[in-house]
Amino acid sequence: MAHTRQSATEQLAAWGLEEAAFVTELVVSELVTNAIRYGEPPIQLRLIRDHSLICEVCDGSSTSPHLRRAHAFDEGGRGLLLVAHLTQRWGSRQTGRGKTIWAEQPLPPG
């Protein structure tokens, strides 16, 4: 997972988007962890710089994710809730080989 976060941070630096690194690392970590835990191979991460910054994680499972409110003493279950709070919007779409979960962040000013 550390390598995945580092690769995302390096890509942001190449684009001059260092300001977005903290949130992007959290989003990447949560989405990739969910794909590893609940999805199926192959798992692929893609960052897209357009009018916003989009993080996509694809996996081979067709099971759709859902937000859930974790109880105070639950150790898990907050990943997508965290992503929803840190990004403008998020969602999922089915593909011919599984699903893609995406999260969209605004680009830093400048």
PDB file of N, CA and C in Angstrom:
ATOM      1  N   MET A   1       0.820  -1.192   0.000  1.00  0.00           N
ATOM      2  CA  MET A   1       0.000   0.000   0.000  1.00  0.00           C
ATOM      3  C   MET A   1       0.865   1.257   0.000  1.00  0.00           C
ATOM      4  N   ALA A   2       1.982   1.236   0.702  1.00  0.00           N
ATOM      5  CA  ALA A   2       2.859   2.409   0.749  1.00  0.00           C
ATOM      6  C   ALA A   2       3.352   2.773  -0.651  1.00  0.00           C
ATOM      7  N   HIS A   3       3.662   1.753  -1.450  1.00  0.00           N
ATOM      8  CA  HIS A   3       4.125   2.002  -2.821  1.00  0.00           C
ATOM      9  C   HIS A   3       3.023   2.675  -3.649  1.00  0.00           C
ATOM     10  N   THR A   4       1.795   2.251  -3.452  1.00  0.00           N
ATOM     11  CA  THR A   4       0.668   2.828  -4.192  1.00  0.00           C
ATOM     12  C   THR A   4       0.481   4.295  -3.830  1.00  0.00           C
ATOM     13  N   ARG A   5       0.518   4.605  -2.537  1.00  0.00           N
ATOM     14  CA  ARG A   5       0.392   6.001  -2.111  1.00  0.00           C
ATOM     15  C   ARG A   5       1.553   6.838  -2.643  1.00  0.00           C
ATOM     16  N   GLN A   6       2.758   6.290  -2.592  1.00  0.00           N
ATOM     17  CA  GLN A   6       3.939   7.009  -3.089  1.00  0.00           C
ATOM     18  C   GLN A   6       3.815   7.282  -4.584  1.00  0.00           C
ATOM     19  N   SER A   7       3.347   6.312  -5.346  1.00  0.00           N
ATOM     20  CA  SER A   7       3.163   6.511  -6.790  1.00  0.00           C
ATOM     21  C   SER A   7       2.154   7.620  -7.065  1.00  0.00           C
ATOM     22  N   ALA A   8       1.071   7.643  -6.291  1.00  0.00           N
ATOM     23  CA  ALA A   8       0.066   8.700  -6.459  1.00  0.00           C
ATOM     24  C   ALA A   8       0.665  10.065  -6.130  1.00  0.00           C
ATOM     25  N   THR A   9       1.427  10.142  -5.041  1.00  0.00           N
ATOM     26  CA  THR A   9       2.062  11.399  -4.639  1.00  0.00           C
ATOM     27  C   THR A   9       3.055  11.866  -5.698  1.00  0.00           C
ATOM     28  N   GLU A  10       3.815  10.949  -6.263  1.00  0.00           N
ATOM     29  CA  GLU A  10       4.772  11.300  -7.320  1.00  0.00           C
ATOM     30  C   GLU A  10       4.057  11.831  -8.557  1.00  0.00           C
ATOM     31  N   GLN A  11       2.921  11.224  -8.895  1.00  0.00           N
ATOM     32  CA  GLN A  11       2.163  11.706 -10.052  1.00  0.00           C
ATOM     33  C   GLN A  11       1.624  13.106  -9.793  1.00  0.00           C
ATOM     34  N   LEU A  12       1.120  13.349  -8.595  1.00  0.00           N
ATOM     35  CA  LEU A  12       0.632  14.685  -8.256  1.00  0.00           C
ATOM     36  C   LEU A  12       1.760  15.708  -8.340  1.00  0.00           C
ATOM     37  N   ALA A  13       2.942  15.352  -7.865  1.00  0.00           N
ATOM     38  CA  ALA A  13       4.092  16.258  -7.946  1.00  0.00           C
ATOM     39  C   ALA A  13       4.452  16.550  -9.402  1.00  0.00           C
ATOM     40  N   ALA A  14       4.390  15.541 -10.247  1.00  0.00           N
ATOM     41  CA  ALA A  14       4.679  15.743 -11.673  1.00  0.00           C
ATOM     42  C   ALA A  14       3.685  16.707 -12.311  1.00  0.00           C
ATOM     43  N   TRP A  15       2.452  16.713 -11.812  1.00  0.00           N
ATOM     44  CA  TRP A  15       1.428  17.620 -12.308  1.00  0.00           C
ATOM     45  C   TRP A  15       1.440  18.973 -11.599  1.00  0.00           C
ATOM     46  N   GLY A  16       2.291  19.132 -10.581  1.00  0.00           N
ATOM     47  CA  GLY A  16       2.318  20.365  -9.812  1.00  0.00           C
ATOM     48  C   GLY A  16       1.151  20.493  -8.850  1.00  0.00           C
ATOM     49  N   LEU A  17       0.618  19.363  -8.396  1.00  0.00           N
ATOM     50  CA  LEU A  17      -0.555  19.354  -7.519  1.00  0.00           C
ATOM     51  C   LEU A  17      -0.214  18.838  -6.115  1.00  0.00           C
ATOM     52  N   GLU A  18       0.943  19.246  -5.600  1.00  0.00           N
ATOM     53  CA  GLU A  18       1.377  18.786  -4.289  1.00  0.00           C
ATOM     54  C   GLU A  18       0.355  19.100  -3.193  1.00  0.00           C
ATOM     55  N   GLU A  19      -0.382  20.204  -3.336  1.00  0.00           N
ATOM     56  CA  GLU A  19      -1.381  20.585  -2.331  1.00  0.00           C
ATOM     57  C   GLU A  19      -2.466  19.519  -2.151  1.00  0.00           C
ATOM     58  N   ALA A  20      -2.705  18.740  -3.172  1.00  0.00           N
ATOM     59  CA  ALA A  20      -3.762  17.724  -3.117  1.00  0.00           C
ATOM     60  C   ALA A  20      -3.271  16.395  -2.559  1.00  0.00           C
ATOM     61  N   ALA A  21      -1.987  16.302  -2.217  1.00  0.00           N
ATOM     62  CA  ALA A  21      -1.394  15.018  -1.857  1.00  0.00           C
ATOM     63  C   ALA A  21      -2.020  14.389  -0.610  1.00  0.00           C
ATOM     64  N   PHE A  22      -2.256  15.164   0.438  1.00  0.00           N
ATOM     65  CA  PHE A  22      -2.759  14.580   1.686  1.00  0.00           C
ATOM     66  C   PHE A  22      -4.108  13.897   1.475  1.00  0.00           C
ATOM     67  N   VAL A  23      -5.057  14.619   0.903  1.00  0.00           N
ATOM     68  CA  VAL A  23      -6.389  14.051   0.675  1.00  0.00           C
ATOM     69  C   VAL A  23      -6.310  12.899  -0.322  1.00  0.00           C
ATOM     70  N   THR A  24      -5.529  13.068  -1.372  1.00  0.00           N
ATOM     71  CA  THR A  24      -5.422  12.022  -2.389  1.00  0.00           C
ATOM     72  C   THR A  24      -4.846  10.742  -1.804  1.00  0.00           C
ATOM     73  N   GLU A  25      -3.840  10.861  -0.953  1.00  0.00           N
ATOM     74  CA  GLU A  25      -3.277   9.663  -0.322  1.00  0.00           C
ATOM     75  C   GLU A  25      -4.329   8.925   0.508  1.00  0.00           C
ATOM     76  N   LEU A  26      -5.141   9.672   1.242  1.00  0.00           N
ATOM     77  CA  LEU A  26      -6.203   9.035   2.032  1.00  0.00           C
ATOM     78  C   LEU A  26      -7.233   8.350   1.136  1.00  0.00           C
ATOM     79  N   VAL A  27      -7.639   9.036   0.078  1.00  0.00           N
ATOM     80  CA  VAL A  27      -8.631   8.470  -0.842  1.00  0.00           C
ATOM     81  C   VAL A  27      -8.078   7.212  -1.512  1.00  0.00           C
ATOM     82  N   VAL A  28      -6.851   7.299  -2.017  1.00  0.00           N
ATOM     83  CA  VAL A  28      -6.216   6.137  -2.651  1.00  0.00           C
ATOM     84  C   VAL A  28      -6.146   4.979  -1.664  1.00  0.00           C
ATOM     85  N   SER A  29      -5.709   5.259  -0.459  1.00  0.00           N
ATOM     86  CA  SER A  29      -5.572   4.221   0.552  1.00  0.00           C
ATOM     87  C   SER A  29      -6.904   3.535   0.839  1.00  0.00           C
ATOM     88  N   GLU A  30      -7.956   4.309   1.026  1.00  0.00           N
ATOM     89  CA  GLU A  30      -9.264   3.733   1.335  1.00  0.00           C
ATOM     90  C   GLU A  30      -9.824   2.928   0.165  1.00  0.00           C
ATOM     91  N   LEU A  31      -9.760   3.488  -1.044  1.00  0.00           N
ATOM     92  CA  LEU A  31     -10.349   2.790  -2.194  1.00  0.00           C
ATOM     93  C   LEU A  31      -9.578   1.525  -2.550  1.00  0.00           C
ATOM     94  N   VAL A  32      -8.255   1.581  -2.508  1.00  0.00           N
ATOM     95  CA  VAL A  32      -7.462   0.397  -2.829  1.00  0.00           C
ATOM     96  C   VAL A  32      -7.629  -0.663  -1.738  1.00  0.00           C
ATOM     97  N   THR A  33      -7.659  -0.238  -0.476  1.00  0.00           N
ATOM     98  CA  THR A  33      -7.877  -1.192   0.618  1.00  0.00           C
ATOM     99  C   THR A  33      -9.219  -1.897   0.457  1.00  0.00           C
ATOM    100  N   ASN A  34     -10.261  -1.155   0.117  1.00  0.00           N
ATOM    101  CA  ASN A  34     -11.577  -1.777  -0.110  1.00  0.00           C
ATOM    102  C   ASN A  34     -11.524  -2.782  -1.259  1.00  0.00           C
ATOM    103  N   ALA A  35     -10.814  -2.428  -2.328  1.00  0.00           N
ATOM    104  CA  ALA A  35     -10.709  -3.342  -3.471  1.00  0.00           C
ATOM    105  C   ALA A  35      -9.968  -4.620  -3.078  1.00  0.00           C
ATOM    106  N   ILE A  36      -8.922  -4.472  -2.289  1.00  0.00           N
ATOM    107  CA  ILE A  36      -8.169  -5.648  -1.840  1.00  0.00           C
ATOM    108  C   ILE A  36      -9.023  -6.504  -0.907  1.00  0.00           C
ATOM    109  N   ARG A  37      -9.720  -5.850   0.006  1.00  0.00           N
ATOM    110  CA  ARG A  37     -10.486  -6.570   1.027  1.00  0.00           C
ATOM    111  C   ARG A  37     -11.768  -7.195   0.476  1.00  0.00           C
ATOM    112  N   TYR A  38     -12.493  -6.455  -0.359  1.00  0.00           N
ATOM    113  CA  TYR A  38     -13.826  -6.911  -0.781  1.00  0.00           C
ATOM    114  C   TYR A  38     -13.942  -7.236  -2.269  1.00  0.00           C
ATOM    115  N   GLY A  39     -12.973  -6.809  -3.057  1.00  0.00           N
ATOM    116  CA  GLY A  39     -13.030  -7.017  -4.493  1.00  0.00           C
ATOM    117  C   GLY A  39     -12.298  -8.268  -4.920  1.00  0.00           C
ATOM    118  N   GLU A  40     -12.010  -8.322  -6.196  1.00  0.00           N
ATOM    119  CA  GLU A  40     -11.292  -9.453  -6.779  1.00  0.00           C
ATOM    120  C   GLU A  40     -10.265  -8.910  -7.761  1.00  0.00           C
ATOM    121  N   PRO A  41      -9.169  -9.638  -7.943  1.00  0.00           N
ATOM    122  CA  PRO A  41      -8.184  -9.207  -8.941  1.00  0.00           C
ATOM    123  C   PRO A  41      -8.800  -9.227 -10.343  1.00  0.00           C
ATOM    124  N   PRO A  42      -8.287  -8.468 -11.259  1.00  0.00           N
ATOM    125  CA  PRO A  42      -7.170  -7.541 -11.095  1.00  0.00           C
ATOM    126  C   PRO A  42      -7.646  -6.220 -10.490  1.00  0.00           C
ATOM    127  N   ILE A  43      -6.764  -5.583  -9.725  1.00  0.00           N
ATOM    128  CA  ILE A  43      -7.041  -4.282  -9.124  1.00  0.00           C
ATOM    129  C   ILE A  43      -6.154  -3.256  -9.804  1.00  0.00           C
ATOM    130  N   GLN A  44      -6.758  -2.148 -10.208  1.00  0.00           N
ATOM    131  CA  GLN A  44      -6.013  -1.112 -10.930  1.00  0.00           C
ATOM    132  C   GLN A  44      -6.385   0.258 -10.374  1.00  0.00           C
ATOM    133  N   LEU A  45      -5.373   1.101 -10.169  1.00  0.00           N
ATOM    134  CA  LEU A  45      -5.558   2.479  -9.728  1.00  0.00           C
ATOM    135  C   LEU A  45      -5.239   3.404 -10.896  1.00  0.00           C
ATOM    136  N   ARG A  46      -6.071   4.418 -11.066  1.00  0.00           N
ATOM    137  CA  ARG A  46      -5.813   5.407 -12.111  1.00  0.00           C
ATOM    138  C   ARG A  46      -6.148   6.783 -11.560  1.00  0.00           C
ATOM    139  N   LEU A  47      -5.237   7.747 -11.740  1.00  0.00           N
ATOM    140  CA  LEU A  47      -5.490   9.145 -11.419  1.00  0.00           C
ATOM    141  C   LEU A  47      -5.703   9.895 -12.715  1.00  0.00           C
ATOM    142  N   ILE A  48      -6.731  10.714 -12.751  1.00  0.00           N
ATOM    143  CA  ILE A  48      -7.069  11.474 -13.956  1.00  0.00           C
ATOM    144  C   ILE A  48      -7.108  12.947 -13.589  1.00  0.00           C
ATOM    145  N   ARG A  49      -6.334  13.742 -14.305  1.00  0.00           N
ATOM    146  CA  ARG A  49      -6.350  15.191 -14.112  1.00  0.00           C
ATOM    147  C   ARG A  49      -7.135  15.796 -15.265  1.00  0.00           C
ATOM    148  N   ASP A  50      -8.258  16.388 -14.938  1.00  0.00           N
ATOM    149  CA  ASP A  50      -9.123  17.020 -15.928  1.00  0.00           C
ATOM    150  C   ASP A  50      -9.584  18.335 -15.315  1.00  0.00           C
ATOM    151  N   HIS A  51     -10.864  18.640 -15.333  1.00  0.00           N
ATOM    152  CA  HIS A  51     -11.375  19.829 -14.653  1.00  0.00           C
ATOM    153  C   HIS A  51     -11.343  19.637 -13.139  1.00  0.00           C
ATOM    154  N   SER A  52     -11.120  18.410 -12.714  1.00  0.00           N
ATOM    155  CA  SER A  52     -10.955  18.043 -11.313  1.00  0.00           C
ATOM    156  C   SER A  52      -9.947  16.899 -11.273  1.00  0.00           C
ATOM    157  N   LEU A  53      -9.656  16.424 -10.077  1.00  0.00           N
ATOM    158  CA  LEU A  53      -8.768  15.281  -9.914  1.00  0.00           C
ATOM    159  C   LEU A  53      -9.632  14.071  -9.582  1.00  0.00           C
ATOM    160  N   ILE A  54      -9.543  13.047 -10.399  1.00  0.00           N
ATOM    161  CA  ILE A  54     -10.367  11.855 -10.221  1.00  0.00           C
ATOM    162  C   ILE A  54      -9.457  10.673  -9.899  1.00  0.00           C
ATOM    163  N   CYS A  55      -9.823   9.965  -8.862  1.00  0.00           N
ATOM    164  CA  CYS A  55      -9.136   8.737  -8.477  1.00  0.00           C
ATOM    165  C   CYS A  55     -10.089   7.591  -8.793  1.00  0.00           C
ATOM    166  N   GLU A  56      -9.634   6.667  -9.615  1.00  0.00           N
ATOM    167  CA  GLU A  56     -10.440   5.488  -9.966  1.00  0.00           C
ATOM    168  C   GLU A  56      -9.728   4.230  -9.509  1.00  0.00           C
ATOM    169  N   VAL A  57     -10.474   3.328  -8.915  1.00  0.00           N
ATOM    170  CA  VAL A  57      -9.943   2.020  -8.566  1.00  0.00           C
ATOM    171  C   VAL A  57     -10.890   0.980  -9.161  1.00  0.00           C
ATOM    172  N   CYS A  58     -10.330   0.137 -10.002  1.00  0.00           N
ATOM    173  CA  CYS A  58     -11.107  -0.919 -10.669  1.00  0.00           C
ATOM    174  C   CYS A  58     -10.739  -2.266 -10.043  1.00  0.00           C
ATOM    175  N   ASP A  59     -11.726  -3.152  -9.963  1.00  0.00           N
ATOM    176  CA  ASP A  59     -11.443  -4.518  -9.543  1.00  0.00           C
ATOM    177  C   ASP A  59     -12.398  -5.459 -10.263  1.00  0.00           C
ATOM    178  N   GLY A  60     -12.143  -6.745 -10.129  1.00  0.00           N
ATOM    179  CA  GLY A  60     -12.880  -7.749 -10.867  1.00  0.00           C
ATOM    180  C   GLY A  60     -14.194  -8.200 -10.271  1.00  0.00           C
ATOM    181  N   SER A  61     -14.615  -7.598  -9.175  1.00  0.00           N
ATOM    182  CA  SER A  61     -15.869  -7.983  -8.537  1.00  0.00           C
ATOM    183  C   SER A  61     -17.001  -7.077  -9.008  1.00  0.00           C
ATOM    184  N   SER A  62     -18.197  -7.623  -9.089  1.00  0.00           N
ATOM    185  CA  SER A  62     -19.347  -6.803  -9.481  1.00  0.00           C
ATOM    186  C   SER A  62     -20.129  -6.301  -8.266  1.00  0.00           C
ATOM    187  N   THR A  63     -19.679  -6.626  -7.064  1.00  0.00           N
ATOM    188  CA  THR A  63     -20.362  -6.197  -5.848  1.00  0.00           C
ATOM    189  C   THR A  63     -20.204  -4.700  -5.655  1.00  0.00           C
ATOM    190  N   SER A  64     -21.317  -3.989  -5.562  1.00  0.00           N
ATOM    191  CA  SER A  64     -21.276  -2.541  -5.398  1.00  0.00           C
ATOM    192  C   SER A  64     -21.003  -2.166  -3.947  1.00  0.00           C
ATOM    193  N   PRO A  65     -20.225  -1.112  -3.756  1.00  0.00           N
ATOM    194  CA  PRO A  65     -19.962  -0.658  -2.385  1.00  0.00           C
ATOM    195  C   PRO A  65     -21.150   0.130  -1.847  1.00  0.00           C
ATOM    196  N   HIS A  66     -21.191   0.286  -0.552  1.00  0.00           N
ATOM    197  CA  HIS A  66     -22.235   1.117   0.042  1.00  0.00           C
ATOM    198  C   HIS A  66     -21.695   1.798   1.285  1.00  0.00           C
ATOM    199  N   LEU A  67     -22.184   2.989   1.517  1.00  0.00           N
ATOM    200  CA  LEU A  67     -21.822   3.706   2.735  1.00  0.00           C
ATOM    201  C   LEU A  67     -22.490   3.029   3.908  1.00  0.00           C
ATOM    202  N   ARG A  68     -21.778   2.943   4.986  1.00  0.00           N
ATOM    203  CA  ARG A  68     -22.424   2.457   6.187  1.00  0.00           C
ATOM    204  C   ARG A  68     -21.901   3.262   7.356  1.00  0.00           C
ATOM    205  N   ARG A  69     -22.749   3.460   8.291  1.00  0.00           N
ATOM    206  CA  ARG A  69     -22.390   4.194   9.505  1.00  0.00           C
ATOM    207  C   ARG A  69     -21.855   3.188  10.515  1.00  0.00           C
ATOM    208  N   ALA A  70     -20.569   3.291  10.791  1.00  0.00           N
ATOM    209  CA  ALA A  70     -19.976   2.383  11.762  1.00  0.00           C
ATOM    210  C   ALA A  70     -20.359   2.817  13.170  1.00  0.00           C
ATOM    211  N   HIS A  71     -20.509   1.854  14.035  1.00  0.00           N
ATOM    212  CA  HIS A  71     -20.787   2.146  15.438  1.00  0.00           C
ATOM    213  C   HIS A  71     -19.499   2.608  16.124  1.00  0.00           C
ATOM    214  N   ALA A  72     -19.618   3.218  17.262  1.00  0.00           N
ATOM    215  CA  ALA A  72     -18.483   3.835  17.959  1.00  0.00           C
ATOM    216  C   ALA A  72     -17.311   2.877  18.167  1.00  0.00           C
ATOM    217  N   PHE A  73     -17.586   1.614  18.430  1.00  0.00           N
ATOM    218  CA  PHE A  73     -16.510   0.689  18.736  1.00  0.00           C
ATOM    219  C   PHE A  73     -16.142  -0.223  17.557  1.00  0.00           C
ATOM    220  N   ASP A  74     -16.733   0.002  16.389  1.00  0.00           N
ATOM    221  CA  ASP A  74     -16.363  -0.773  15.204  1.00  0.00           C
ATOM    222  C   ASP A  74     -14.951  -0.394  14.771  1.00  0.00           C
ATOM    223  N   GLU A  75     -14.184  -1.382  14.342  1.00  0.00           N
ATOM    224  CA  GLU A  75     -12.832  -1.099  13.881  1.00  0.00           C
ATOM    225  C   GLU A  75     -12.786  -0.745  12.406  1.00  0.00           C
ATOM    226  N   GLY A  76     -13.802  -1.042  11.662  1.00  0.00           N
ATOM    227  CA  GLY A  76     -13.820  -0.750  10.236  1.00  0.00           C
ATOM    228  C   GLY A  76     -15.144  -0.149   9.839  1.00  0.00           C
ATOM    229  N   GLY A  77     -15.321   0.036   8.530  1.00  0.00           N
ATOM    230  CA  GLY A  77     -16.605   0.490   8.038  1.00  0.00           C
ATOM    231  C   GLY A  77     -16.711   1.971   7.783  1.00  0.00           C
ATOM    232  N   ARG A  78     -15.627   2.699   7.961  1.00  0.00           N
ATOM    233  CA  ARG A  78     -15.680   4.144   7.777  1.00  0.00           C
ATOM    234  C   ARG A  78     -14.999   4.620   6.498  1.00  0.00           C
ATOM    235  N   GLY A  79     -14.425   3.729   5.727  1.00  0.00           N
ATOM    236  CA  GLY A  79     -13.640   4.107   4.557  1.00  0.00           C
ATOM    237  C   GLY A  79     -14.393   4.941   3.543  1.00  0.00           C
ATOM    238  N   LEU A  80     -15.522   4.456   3.074  1.00  0.00           N
ATOM    239  CA  LEU A  80     -16.280   5.211   2.071  1.00  0.00           C
ATOM    240  C   LEU A  80     -16.898   6.473   2.657  1.00  0.00           C
ATOM    241  N   LEU A  81     -17.228   6.444   3.932  1.00  0.00           N
ATOM    242  CA  LEU A  81     -17.738   7.648   4.583  1.00  0.00           C
ATOM    243  C   LEU A  81     -16.651   8.721   4.602  1.00  0.00           C
ATOM    244  N   LEU A  82     -15.431   8.317   4.891  1.00  0.00           N
ATOM    245  CA  LEU A  82     -14.298   9.240   4.854  1.00  0.00           C
ATOM    246  C   LEU A  82     -14.096   9.791   3.442  1.00  0.00           C
ATOM    247  N   VAL A  83     -14.127   8.917   2.454  1.00  0.00           N
ATOM    248  CA  VAL A  83     -13.984   9.356   1.057  1.00  0.00           C
ATOM    249  C   VAL A  83     -15.087  10.351   0.701  1.00  0.00           C
ATOM    250  N   ALA A  84     -16.310  10.070   1.098  1.00  0.00           N
ATOM    251  CA  ALA A  84     -17.432  10.968   0.795  1.00  0.00           C
ATOM    252  C   ALA A  84     -17.252  12.342   1.420  1.00  0.00           C
ATOM    253  N   HIS A  85     -16.678  12.384   2.611  1.00  0.00           N
ATOM    254  CA  HIS A  85     -16.466  13.672   3.279  1.00  0.00           C
ATOM    255  C   HIS A  85     -15.287  14.449   2.711  1.00  0.00           C
ATOM    256  N   LEU A  86     -14.289  13.759   2.187  1.00  0.00           N
ATOM    257  CA  LEU A  86     -13.072  14.414   1.699  1.00  0.00           C
ATOM    258  C   LEU A  86     -13.151  14.853   0.237  1.00  0.00           C
ATOM    259  N   THR A  87     -14.111  14.338  -0.491  1.00  0.00           N
ATOM    260  CA  THR A  87     -14.181  14.617  -1.926  1.00  0.00           C
ATOM    261  C   THR A  87     -15.484  15.327  -2.274  1.00  0.00           C
ATOM    262  N   GLN A  88     -15.510  15.876  -3.507  1.00  0.00           N
ATOM    263  CA  GLN A  88     -16.734  16.542  -3.971  1.00  0.00           C
ATOM    264  C   GLN A  88     -17.855  15.552  -4.167  1.00  0.00           C
ATOM    265  N   ARG A  89     -17.488  14.423  -4.751  1.00  0.00           N
ATOM    266  CA  ARG A  89     -18.472  13.363  -4.995  1.00  0.00           C
ATOM    267  C   ARG A  89     -17.731  12.075  -5.282  1.00  0.00           C
ATOM    268  N   TRP A  90     -18.450  10.982  -5.194  1.00  0.00           N
ATOM    269  CA  TRP A  90     -17.881   9.674  -5.469  1.00  0.00           C
ATOM    270  C   TRP A  90     -18.988   8.784  -6.015  1.00  0.00           C
ATOM    271  N   GLY A  91     -18.605   7.674  -6.582  1.00  0.00           N
ATOM    272  CA  GLY A  91     -19.606   6.754  -7.087  1.00  0.00           C
ATOM    273  C   GLY A  91     -18.966   5.477  -7.585  1.00  0.00           C
ATOM    274  N   SER A  92     -19.783   4.637  -8.178  1.00  0.00           N
ATOM    275  CA  SER A  92     -19.289   3.393  -8.750  1.00  0.00           C
ATOM    276  C   SER A  92     -20.043   3.119 -10.044  1.00  0.00           C
ATOM    277  N   ARG A  93     -19.391   2.372 -10.899  1.00  0.00           N
ATOM    278  CA  ARG A  93     -20.043   1.942 -12.137  1.00  0.00           C
ATOM    279  C   ARG A  93     -19.584   0.531 -12.455  1.00  0.00           C
ATOM    280  N   GLN A  94     -20.496  -0.218 -13.021  1.00  0.00           N
ATOM    281  CA  GLN A  94     -20.190  -1.581 -13.438  1.00  0.00           C
ATOM    282  C   GLN A  94     -19.444  -1.529 -14.769  1.00  0.00           C
ATOM    283  N   THR A  95     -18.515  -2.440 -14.943  1.00  0.00           N
ATOM    284  CA  THR A  95     -17.786  -2.556 -16.201  1.00  0.00           C
ATOM    285  C   THR A  95     -17.936  -3.988 -16.706  1.00  0.00           C
ATOM    286  N   GLY A  96     -17.429  -4.248 -17.866  1.00  0.00           N
ATOM    287  CA  GLY A  96     -17.491  -5.598 -18.416  1.00  0.00           C
ATOM    288  C   GLY A  96     -16.676  -6.597 -17.623  1.00  0.00           C
ATOM    289  N   ARG A  97     -15.730  -6.094 -16.827  1.00  0.00           N
ATOM    290  CA  ARG A  97     -14.848  -6.973 -16.057  1.00  0.00           C
ATOM    291  C   ARG A  97     -14.937  -6.745 -14.549  1.00  0.00           C
ATOM    292  N   GLY A  98     -15.977  -6.107 -14.070  1.00  0.00           N
ATOM    293  CA  GLY A  98     -16.112  -5.866 -12.632  1.00  0.00           C
ATOM    294  C   GLY A  98     -16.734  -4.512 -12.364  1.00  0.00           C
ATOM    295  N   LYS A  99     -16.020  -3.694 -11.571  1.00  0.00           N
ATOM    296  CA  LYS A  99     -16.558  -2.373 -11.242  1.00  0.00           C
ATOM    297  C   LYS A  99     -15.421  -1.372 -11.100  1.00  0.00           C
ATOM    298  N   THR A 100     -15.790  -0.110 -11.148  1.00  0.00           N
ATOM    299  CA  THR A 100     -14.872   0.987 -10.901  1.00  0.00           C
ATOM    300  C   THR A 100     -15.486   1.868  -9.827  1.00  0.00           C
ATOM    301  N   ILE A 101     -14.720   2.158  -8.801  1.00  0.00           N
ATOM    302  CA  ILE A 101     -15.107   3.113  -7.765  1.00  0.00           C
ATOM    303  C   ILE A 101     -14.286   4.372  -8.042  1.00  0.00           C
ATOM    304  N   TRP A 102     -14.935   5.525  -8.054  1.00  0.00           N
ATOM    305  CA  TRP A 102     -14.229   6.768  -8.346  1.00  0.00           C
ATOM    306  C   TRP A 102     -14.565   7.822  -7.302  1.00  0.00           C
ATOM    307  N   ALA A 103     -13.637   8.742  -7.132  1.00  0.00           N
ATOM    308  CA  ALA A 103     -13.834   9.870  -6.229  1.00  0.00           C
ATOM    309  C   ALA A 103     -13.243  11.105  -6.895  1.00  0.00           C
ATOM    310  N   GLU A 104     -13.943  12.210  -6.800  1.00  0.00           N
ATOM    311  CA  GLU A 104     -13.549  13.439  -7.494  1.00  0.00           C
ATOM    312  C   GLU A 104     -13.220  14.528  -6.473  1.00  0.00           C
ATOM    313  N   GLN A 105     -12.039  15.136  -6.638  1.00  0.00           N
ATOM    314  CA  GLN A 105     -11.605  16.234  -5.794  1.00  0.00           C
ATOM    315  C   GLN A 105     -11.449  17.479  -6.652  1.00  0.00           C
ATOM    316  N   PRO A 106     -11.676  18.655  -6.072  1.00  0.00           N
ATOM    317  CA  PRO A 106     -11.380  19.871  -6.819  1.00  0.00           C
ATOM    318  C   PRO A 106      -9.875  20.029  -6.987  1.00  0.00           C
ATOM    319  N   LEU A 107      -9.468  20.641  -8.068  1.00  0.00           N
ATOM    320  CA  LEU A 107      -8.047  20.949  -8.243  1.00  0.00           C
ATOM    321  C   LEU A 107      -7.694  22.148  -7.373  1.00  0.00           C
ATOM    322  N   PRO A 108      -6.489  22.158  -6.791  1.00  0.00           N
ATOM    323  CA  PRO A 108      -6.084  23.331  -6.019  1.00  0.00           C
ATOM    324  C   PRO A 108      -6.057  24.575  -6.913  1.00  0.00           C
ATOM    325  N   PRO A 109      -6.314  25.750  -6.357  1.00  0.00           N
ATOM    326  CA  PRO A 109      -6.261  26.971  -7.160  1.00  0.00           C
ATOM    327  C   PRO A 109      -4.881  27.180  -7.778  1.00  0.00           C
ATOM    328  N   GLY A 110      -4.886  27.786  -8.946  1.00  0.00           N
ATOM    329  CA  GLY A 110      -3.600  28.106  -9.597  1.00  0.00           C
ATOM    330  C   GLY A 110      -3.366  27.236 -10.703  1.00  0.00           C
TER     331      GLY A 110
END
